[in-house]
Amino acid sequence: MKKKTRRLLLRKYAVILLLSALSLLYLYLMDRMLGYGVNNIGYIINYLLYTASEKLAAVILLLCLVVPDAVYWIRGNQPGRGSEK
């Protein structure tokens, strides 16, 4: 069960990384195509998480994504689904 759980978690995060990379590539290509240049993404990133509350919300959401998966990775099993018969 540990191998299957870990393989699923690795696949999940590989898909997340792939989609993130494709999204950034799309942003760079569209900025380049519309004439903003390559430095526009760096300029926009400065204003994405501007206030402390936005930074705190982003950290909390990231922890909600990572912490349960870290627990499943260490324990090697996911919660049962016995009541779904």
Protein backbone atom coordinates (compact mmCIF):
# COMPACT_ATOMS: atom_id res chain seq x y z
CA MET A 1 0.00 0.00 0.00
CA LYS A 2 2.88 2.38 0.70
CA LYS A 3 4.23 2.14 -2.84
CA LYS A 4 0.84 2.79 -4.37
CA THR A 5 0.14 5.77 -2.10
CA ARG A 6 3.55 7.27 -2.71
CA ARG A 7 3.25 6.75 -6.46
CA LEU A 8 -0.12 8.55 -6.46
CA LEU A 9 1.31 11.45 -4.45
CA LEU A 10 4.31 11.74 -6.76
CA ARG A 11 2.01 11.72 -9.77
CA LYS A 12 -0.18 14.39 -8.18
CA TYR A 13 2.72 16.75 -7.56
CA ALA A 14 4.27 16.01 -10.95
CA VAL A 15 1.01 17.10 -12.60
CA ILE A 16 0.88 20.23 -10.43
CA LEU A 17 4.46 21.14 -11.40
CA LEU A 18 3.78 20.45 -15.07
CA LEU A 19 0.66 22.63 -15.09
CA SER A 20 2.52 25.39 -13.24
CA ALA A 21 5.34 25.33 -15.77
CA LEU A 22 2.89 25.38 -18.68
CA SER A 23 1.01 28.30 -17.13
CA LEU A 24 4.20 30.32 -16.70
CA LEU A 25 5.26 29.49 -20.24
CA TYR A 26 1.86 30.67 -21.50
CA LEU A 27 2.22 33.94 -19.59
CA TYR A 28 5.71 34.54 -20.97
CA LEU A 29 4.64 33.74 -24.52
CA MET A 30 1.58 35.98 -24.36
CA ASP A 31 3.60 38.86 -22.89
CA ARG A 32 6.17 38.41 -25.61
CA MET A 33 3.50 38.21 -28.30
CA LEU A 34 1.68 41.32 -27.07
CA GLY A 35 4.92 43.30 -26.84
CA TYR A 36 5.30 43.67 -23.08
CA GLY A 37 8.69 41.97 -22.98
CA VAL A 38 10.16 39.31 -20.75
CA ASN A 39 10.53 41.55 -17.68
CA ASN A 40 6.79 42.13 -17.35
CA ILE A 41 6.24 38.92 -15.35
CA GLY A 42 8.75 40.05 -12.71
CA TYR A 43 6.95 43.37 -12.50
CA ILE A 44 3.57 41.68 -12.03
CA ILE A 45 4.85 39.22 -9.41
CA ASN A 46 5.71 42.12 -7.10
CA TYR A 47 1.99 42.92 -6.86
CA LEU A 48 0.53 39.40 -6.61
CA LEU A 49 0.88 39.01 -2.85
CA TYR A 50 1.00 42.64 -1.81
CA THR A 51 -0.49 42.72 1.71
CA ALA A 52 0.23 40.61 4.76
CA SER A 53 -3.27 39.11 4.71
CA GLU A 54 -2.79 37.90 1.12
CA LYS A 55 0.57 36.35 2.04
CA LEU A 56 -0.96 34.67 5.09
CA ALA A 57 -3.86 33.29 3.05
CA ALA A 58 -1.45 31.93 0.43
CA VAL A 59 0.67 30.21 3.09
CA ILE A 60 -2.40 28.68 4.75
CA LEU A 61 -3.69 27.35 1.42
CA LEU A 62 -0.27 25.92 0.60
CA LEU A 63 -0.09 24.21 3.99
CA CYS A 64 -3.59 22.76 3.46
CA LEU A 65 -2.31 21.24 0.22
CA VAL A 66 1.01 19.88 1.48
CA VAL A 67 0.53 18.82 5.13
CA PRO A 68 -2.09 16.06 4.61
CA ASP A 69 -0.03 14.60 1.76
CA ALA A 70 3.10 14.67 3.92
CA VAL A 71 1.23 12.72 6.60
CA TYR A 72 0.05 10.17 4.02
CA TRP A 73 3.60 9.91 2.65
CA ILE A 74 5.05 9.17 6.09
CA ARG A 75 2.31 6.80 7.25
CA GLY A 76 1.97 5.14 3.87
CA ASN A 77 -1.80 4.83 3.82
CA GLN A 78 -4.73 7.07 3.11
CA PRO A 79 -7.97 7.18 5.10
CA GLY A 80 -10.35 4.33 4.50
CA ARG A 81 -13.50 4.61 2.43
CA GLY A 82 -15.49 1.78 3.92
CA SER A 83 -18.85 3.54 4.09
CA GLU A 84 -19.08 4.03 0.32
CA LYS A 85 -20.36 0.56 -0.49
